[in-house]
N, C-alpha and C. Protein backbone atom coordinates (compact mmCIF):
# COMPACT_ATOMS: atom_id res chain seq x y z
N MET A 1 27.94 84.29 103.65
CA MET A 1 28.03 82.90 103.92
C MET A 1 27.54 82.17 102.92
N ALA A 2 28.34 81.05 102.37
CA ALA A 2 28.02 80.21 101.34
C ALA A 2 27.09 79.08 101.92
N ASN A 3 26.30 78.61 100.87
CA ASN A 3 25.27 77.54 101.39
C ASN A 3 25.79 76.43 102.16
N ASP A 4 27.23 76.07 101.88
CA ASP A 4 27.60 74.88 102.75
C ASP A 4 27.92 75.30 104.26
N GLY A 5 27.60 76.46 104.70
CA GLY A 5 27.74 76.89 106.24
C GLY A 5 28.94 77.40 106.61
N PHE A 6 29.94 77.53 105.66
CA PHE A 6 31.33 77.85 105.97
C PHE A 6 31.35 79.43 105.73
N THR A 7 32.00 80.19 106.58
CA THR A 7 32.25 81.61 106.52
C THR A 7 33.76 81.74 106.93
N VAL A 8 34.34 82.64 105.90
CA VAL A 8 35.84 83.12 106.44
C VAL A 8 35.92 84.69 106.82
N PHE A 9 36.48 85.01 107.82
CA PHE A 9 36.56 86.30 108.25
C PHE A 9 38.03 86.71 108.37
N ALA A 10 38.57 88.00 107.68
CA ALA A 10 39.86 88.40 107.67
C ALA A 10 39.85 89.12 108.97
N VAL A 11 40.91 88.91 109.74
CA VAL A 11 40.98 89.74 111.08
C VAL A 11 41.87 90.80 110.73
N PRO A 12 41.38 92.08 111.02
CA PRO A 12 41.85 93.35 110.77
C PRO A 12 43.27 93.48 111.36
N GLU A 13 44.09 94.23 110.64
CA GLU A 13 45.59 94.51 111.11
C GLU A 13 45.52 95.13 112.47
N HIS A 14 44.67 96.12 112.82
CA HIS A 14 44.75 96.61 114.15
C HIS A 14 44.40 95.48 115.32
N LEU A 15 43.24 94.72 114.93
CA LEU A 15 42.94 93.76 115.97
C LEU A 15 44.13 92.74 116.15
N CYS A 16 44.79 92.32 114.95
CA CYS A 16 45.92 91.42 115.12
C CYS A 16 47.03 92.05 116.07
N THR A 17 47.25 93.29 115.94
CA THR A 17 48.25 94.00 116.60
C THR A 17 47.99 94.02 118.13
N ALA A 18 46.47 94.46 118.41
CA ALA A 18 46.07 94.54 119.67
C ALA A 18 46.12 93.21 120.51
N LEU A 19 45.93 92.07 119.81
CA LEU A 19 45.96 90.76 120.50
C LEU A 19 47.44 90.46 120.67
N ALA A 20 48.22 90.76 119.61
CA ALA A 20 49.57 90.28 119.79
C ALA A 20 50.31 91.05 121.08
N THR A 21 50.06 92.27 121.15
CA THR A 21 50.56 93.13 122.22
C THR A 21 49.98 93.11 123.44
N ALA A 22 48.73 92.64 123.63
CA ALA A 22 47.83 92.64 124.86
C ALA A 22 48.69 91.82 125.97
N GLY A 23 48.80 92.24 127.00
CA GLY A 23 49.41 91.57 128.20
C GLY A 23 48.48 90.34 128.70
N ARG A 24 49.02 89.49 129.51
CA ARG A 24 48.22 88.39 129.89
C ARG A 24 47.00 88.88 130.74
N ASP A 25 47.31 89.85 131.53
CA ASP A 25 46.07 90.39 132.45
C ASP A 25 45.03 90.91 131.54
N ARG A 26 45.34 91.65 130.64
CA ARG A 26 44.37 92.30 129.65
C ARG A 26 43.47 91.28 128.97
N LEU A 27 44.30 90.36 128.42
CA LEU A 27 43.64 88.98 127.76
C LEU A 27 42.80 88.34 128.61
N ARG A 28 43.23 88.19 129.89
CA ARG A 28 42.31 87.47 130.83
C ARG A 28 41.01 88.33 131.11
N ALA A 29 41.17 89.51 131.23
CA ALA A 29 40.02 90.41 131.68
C ALA A 29 38.99 90.45 130.52
N ALA A 30 39.68 90.43 129.22
CA ALA A 30 38.62 90.48 128.03
C ALA A 30 37.96 88.98 127.95
N ALA A 31 38.71 87.99 128.17
CA ALA A 31 38.25 86.76 127.97
C ALA A 31 37.10 86.44 129.12
N LEU A 32 37.31 86.81 130.13
CA LEU A 32 36.20 86.85 131.35
C LEU A 32 35.01 87.57 131.04
N ALA A 33 35.34 88.82 130.47
CA ALA A 33 34.09 89.52 130.06
C ALA A 33 33.34 88.98 128.92
N TRP A 34 34.03 88.41 128.10
CA TRP A 34 33.31 87.67 127.02
C TRP A 34 32.55 86.58 127.42
N ALA A 35 33.08 85.72 128.37
CA ALA A 35 32.30 84.46 128.95
C ALA A 35 31.15 85.11 129.74
N GLU A 36 31.18 86.26 130.53
CA GLU A 36 30.11 86.67 131.19
C GLU A 36 29.05 87.20 130.27
N ALA A 37 29.34 87.77 129.00
CA ALA A 37 28.39 88.31 128.29
C ALA A 37 27.55 87.50 127.41
N ALA A 38 27.92 86.18 127.37
CA ALA A 38 27.26 85.34 126.58
C ALA A 38 25.78 85.18 127.17
N SER A 39 24.84 85.59 126.43
CA SER A 39 23.44 85.62 126.85
C SER A 39 22.49 84.49 126.38
N GLU A 40 23.00 83.78 125.29
CA GLU A 40 22.11 82.50 124.75
C GLU A 40 22.91 81.18 125.18
N PRO A 41 22.21 80.17 125.71
CA PRO A 41 22.83 78.98 125.86
C PRO A 41 23.88 78.34 124.91
N ASP A 42 23.37 78.79 123.49
CA ASP A 42 24.48 78.22 122.54
C ASP A 42 25.71 79.24 122.46
N ASP A 43 25.66 80.23 123.12
CA ASP A 43 26.79 81.15 123.05
C ASP A 43 27.70 81.01 124.35
N GLU A 44 27.30 80.29 125.26
CA GLU A 44 28.06 80.02 126.58
C GLU A 44 29.43 79.58 126.11
N ILE A 45 30.42 80.02 127.22
CA ILE A 45 31.78 79.50 126.99
C ILE A 45 32.23 79.58 128.43
N ALA A 46 33.00 78.58 128.81
CA ALA A 46 33.58 78.37 129.96
C ALA A 46 34.63 79.43 130.31
N PRO A 47 34.67 80.20 131.49
CA PRO A 47 35.60 81.15 131.66
C PRO A 47 37.01 80.74 131.33
N ASP A 48 37.39 79.55 131.92
CA ASP A 48 38.80 79.09 131.62
C ASP A 48 39.03 78.73 130.32
N TYR A 49 38.14 78.30 129.54
CA TYR A 49 38.25 77.88 128.05
C TYR A 49 38.48 79.29 127.35
N ALA A 50 37.62 80.36 127.71
CA ALA A 50 37.52 81.50 127.14
C ALA A 50 39.13 82.20 127.17
N VAL A 51 39.71 82.13 128.36
CA VAL A 51 41.04 82.66 128.70
C VAL A 51 41.98 81.81 127.75
N ASP A 52 42.05 80.53 127.83
CA ASP A 52 42.80 79.65 127.14
C ASP A 52 42.85 80.00 125.59
N LEU A 53 41.59 80.05 125.05
CA LEU A 53 41.47 80.47 123.75
C LEU A 53 42.12 81.77 123.27
N LEU A 54 41.68 82.82 124.11
CA LEU A 54 42.16 84.20 123.65
C LEU A 54 43.66 84.21 123.80
N GLU A 55 44.39 83.48 124.76
CA GLU A 55 45.74 83.39 124.90
C GLU A 55 46.37 82.77 123.66
N HIS A 56 45.72 81.60 123.04
CA HIS A 56 46.18 81.02 121.99
C HIS A 56 45.96 81.89 120.67
N VAL A 57 44.93 82.55 120.62
CA VAL A 57 44.87 83.46 119.46
C VAL A 57 45.75 84.68 119.64
N SER A 58 46.00 85.30 120.69
CA SER A 58 47.05 86.17 120.85
C SER A 58 48.48 85.62 120.42
N ALA A 59 48.80 84.49 120.65
CA ALA A 59 50.04 83.82 120.17
C ALA A 59 50.15 83.68 118.69
N LEU A 60 49.14 83.18 118.00
CA LEU A 60 48.86 83.15 116.62
C LEU A 60 48.93 84.56 116.18
N ALA A 61 48.36 85.67 116.68
CA ALA A 61 48.38 87.03 116.05
C ALA A 61 49.95 87.34 116.15
N GLY A 62 50.73 87.09 117.20
CA GLY A 62 52.03 87.64 117.36
C GLY A 62 52.72 86.82 116.38
N SER A 63 52.71 85.57 116.02
CA SER A 63 53.43 84.82 115.30
C SER A 63 53.16 85.27 113.78
N ARG A 64 51.92 85.72 113.58
CA ARG A 64 51.56 86.21 112.08
C ARG A 64 52.23 87.57 111.87
N THR A 65 52.27 88.32 112.97
CA THR A 65 52.87 89.82 112.82
C THR A 65 54.37 89.62 112.54
N GLU A 66 55.04 88.62 112.97
CA GLU A 66 56.57 88.56 112.85
C GLU A 66 56.80 88.03 111.43
N LYS A 67 55.80 87.37 110.86
CA LYS A 67 56.08 86.75 109.54
C LYS A 67 55.41 87.47 108.43
N HIS A 68 54.73 88.57 108.89
CA HIS A 68 53.95 89.54 108.04
C HIS A 68 52.96 88.80 107.08
N LEU A 69 52.18 87.97 107.68
CA LEU A 69 51.01 87.15 107.21
C LEU A 69 49.75 87.83 107.71
N ASP A 70 48.56 87.52 106.95
CA ASP A 70 47.30 87.73 107.37
C ASP A 70 46.77 86.63 108.23
N LEU A 71 45.80 87.12 109.01
CA LEU A 71 45.26 86.24 109.99
C LEU A 71 43.58 86.03 109.55
N TYR A 72 43.14 84.85 109.48
CA TYR A 72 41.80 84.51 109.13
C TYR A 72 41.20 83.50 110.20
N CYS A 73 39.71 83.80 110.31
CA CYS A 73 39.18 82.70 111.02
C CYS A 73 38.04 82.05 110.14
N TRP A 74 37.94 80.85 110.25
CA TRP A 74 37.15 79.94 109.46
C TRP A 74 36.00 79.72 110.22
N TYR A 75 34.69 79.82 110.12
CA TYR A 75 33.77 79.63 110.89
C TYR A 75 32.65 78.63 110.17
N PHE A 76 32.17 77.61 110.89
CA PHE A 76 31.24 76.72 110.32
C PHE A 76 29.97 76.80 111.34
N ALA A 77 28.98 77.05 110.41
CA ALA A 77 27.56 76.93 111.24
C ALA A 77 26.63 75.91 110.59
N PRO A 78 26.61 74.72 111.13
CA PRO A 78 25.90 73.57 110.43
C PRO A 78 24.38 74.03 110.30
């Protein structure tokens, strides 16, 4: 992490493929497990938001796969 608080993560190919090919039920189950596992108040995520977010990331991963592009995640920690 740089001193400015930004971090960039490259999403591994196998994770992109898993996200792109996961069915709606599997994405929903993973998102709900993620929302339930949040143990710290700052880590909490609403179940509906977790599902929506993971579905969007799945679509992005699928689009990236079709175009043979890499997928990255930018993270900012103030």
